[in-house]
Amino acid sequence: MNTEKGDMKKKSGVSPVAAAVTGAVVGASVAIAGTMALQNKSNREKVKNALNNVKNQARDYVKDMRKKAEEKSSKEAKNLLAAKKK
C-alpha cells in the first residue's frame, strides 16, 4: 500500500479549520462542565481527595524508583570495584 501524505489529507475529508473549531468547542464545554461540577462543595472535596491520592501515589512511585536506582548504582559500583581488584 503506497500512500503519500498529500493523498491522506485528501481522503480524510476533515478540514483543519473544522478540526480546530471542534477542538475549541469541546475544550470550552469541558471547562464549563468542570466549573459547574466544582461549584458543589461535595464535588470539590471529592476532587481534592482524588488529587491528593494521585499526588501521594506519584510521590511513593518516585521514591521507590529513586531507591531502586540507588541500589542498582551501588551494586554496579561494587561490581566495578571487584572487577578492578582482579
Protein backbone atom coordinates (compact mmCIF):
# COMPACT_ATOMS: atom_id res chain seq x y z
CA MET A 1 0.00 0.00 0.00
CA ASN A 2 1.79 3.10 -1.22
CA THR A 3 0.19 6.31 0.03
CA GLU A 4 1.67 9.75 0.33
CA LYS A 5 0.83 12.42 2.88
CA GLY A 6 -0.96 14.51 0.27
CA ASP A 7 -3.21 11.59 -0.62
CA MET A 8 -4.02 11.00 3.06
CA LYS A 9 -5.13 14.61 3.54
CA LYS A 10 -7.39 14.48 0.51
CA LYS A 11 -9.00 11.22 1.61
CA SER A 12 -9.65 12.20 5.22
CA GLY A 13 -12.19 14.86 4.30
CA VAL A 14 -11.60 16.78 7.54
CA SER A 15 -10.73 20.41 7.19
CA PRO A 16 -8.04 21.67 9.60
CA VAL A 17 -10.24 24.67 10.36
CA ALA A 18 -13.20 22.43 11.18
CA ALA A 19 -10.97 20.30 13.41
CA ALA A 20 -9.68 23.40 15.23
CA VAL A 21 -13.19 24.77 15.78
CA THR A 22 -14.40 21.38 17.01
CA GLY A 23 -11.47 21.15 19.40
CA ALA A 24 -12.16 24.64 20.75
CA VAL A 25 -15.83 23.83 21.30
CA VAL A 26 -15.03 20.57 23.07
CA GLY A 27 -12.40 22.28 25.24
CA ALA A 28 -14.79 25.05 26.22
CA SER A 29 -17.50 22.52 27.02
CA VAL A 30 -15.17 20.57 29.29
CA ALA A 31 -14.12 23.77 31.06
CA ILE A 32 -17.74 24.80 31.63
CA ALA A 33 -18.71 21.34 32.85
CA GLY A 34 -15.74 21.31 35.22
CA THR A 35 -16.64 24.72 36.58
CA MET A 36 -20.24 23.67 37.14
CA ALA A 37 -19.19 20.45 38.87
CA LEU A 38 -16.77 22.25 41.20
CA GLN A 39 -19.40 24.69 42.41
CA ASN A 40 -20.74 21.94 44.66
CA LYS A 41 -18.68 21.69 47.90
CA SER A 42 -19.05 17.90 47.99
CA ASN A 43 -17.65 17.60 44.47
CA ARG A 44 -14.76 19.93 45.33
CA GLU A 45 -13.88 17.72 48.28
CA LYS A 46 -14.01 14.59 46.10
CA VAL A 47 -11.72 16.19 43.52
CA LYS A 48 -9.37 17.42 46.25
CA ASN A 49 -9.17 13.92 47.77
CA ALA A 50 -8.61 12.31 44.38
CA LEU A 51 -5.81 14.75 43.56
CA ASN A 52 -4.19 14.16 46.95
CA ASN A 53 -4.33 10.40 46.36
CA VAL A 54 -2.73 10.77 42.93
CA LYS A 55 -0.07 13.09 44.39
CA ASN A 56 0.74 10.59 47.15
CA GLN A 57 0.91 7.69 44.71
CA ALA A 58 3.23 9.66 42.42
CA ARG A 59 5.45 10.63 45.37
CA ASP A 60 5.66 7.00 46.53
CA TYR A 61 6.43 5.83 42.99
CA VAL A 62 9.25 8.38 42.60
CA LYS A 63 10.71 7.41 45.99
CA ASP A 64 10.57 3.73 45.03
CA MET A 65 12.22 4.34 41.64
CA ARG A 66 14.90 6.51 43.25
CA LYS A 67 15.64 3.80 45.82
CA LYS A 68 15.85 1.12 43.13
CA ALA A 69 18.16 3.30 41.03
CA GLU A 70 20.43 3.95 44.02
CA GLU A 71 20.54 0.25 44.86
CA LYS A 72 21.37 -0.64 41.27
CA SER A 73 24.02 2.07 41.08
CA SER A 74 25.57 0.91 44.35
CA LYS A 75 25.57 -2.71 43.20
CA GLU A 76 27.19 -1.77 39.88
CA ALA A 77 29.83 0.30 41.68
CA LYS A 78 30.65 -2.67 43.93
CA ASN A 79 30.90 -4.96 40.89
CA LEU A 80 33.19 -2.47 39.16
CA LEU A 81 35.48 -2.26 42.19
CA ALA A 82 35.56 -6.05 42.45
CA ALA A 83 36.44 -6.32 38.76
CA LYS A 84 39.26 -3.76 39.15
CA LYS A 85 40.75 -5.74 42.05
CA LYS A 86 41.03 -8.87 39.90
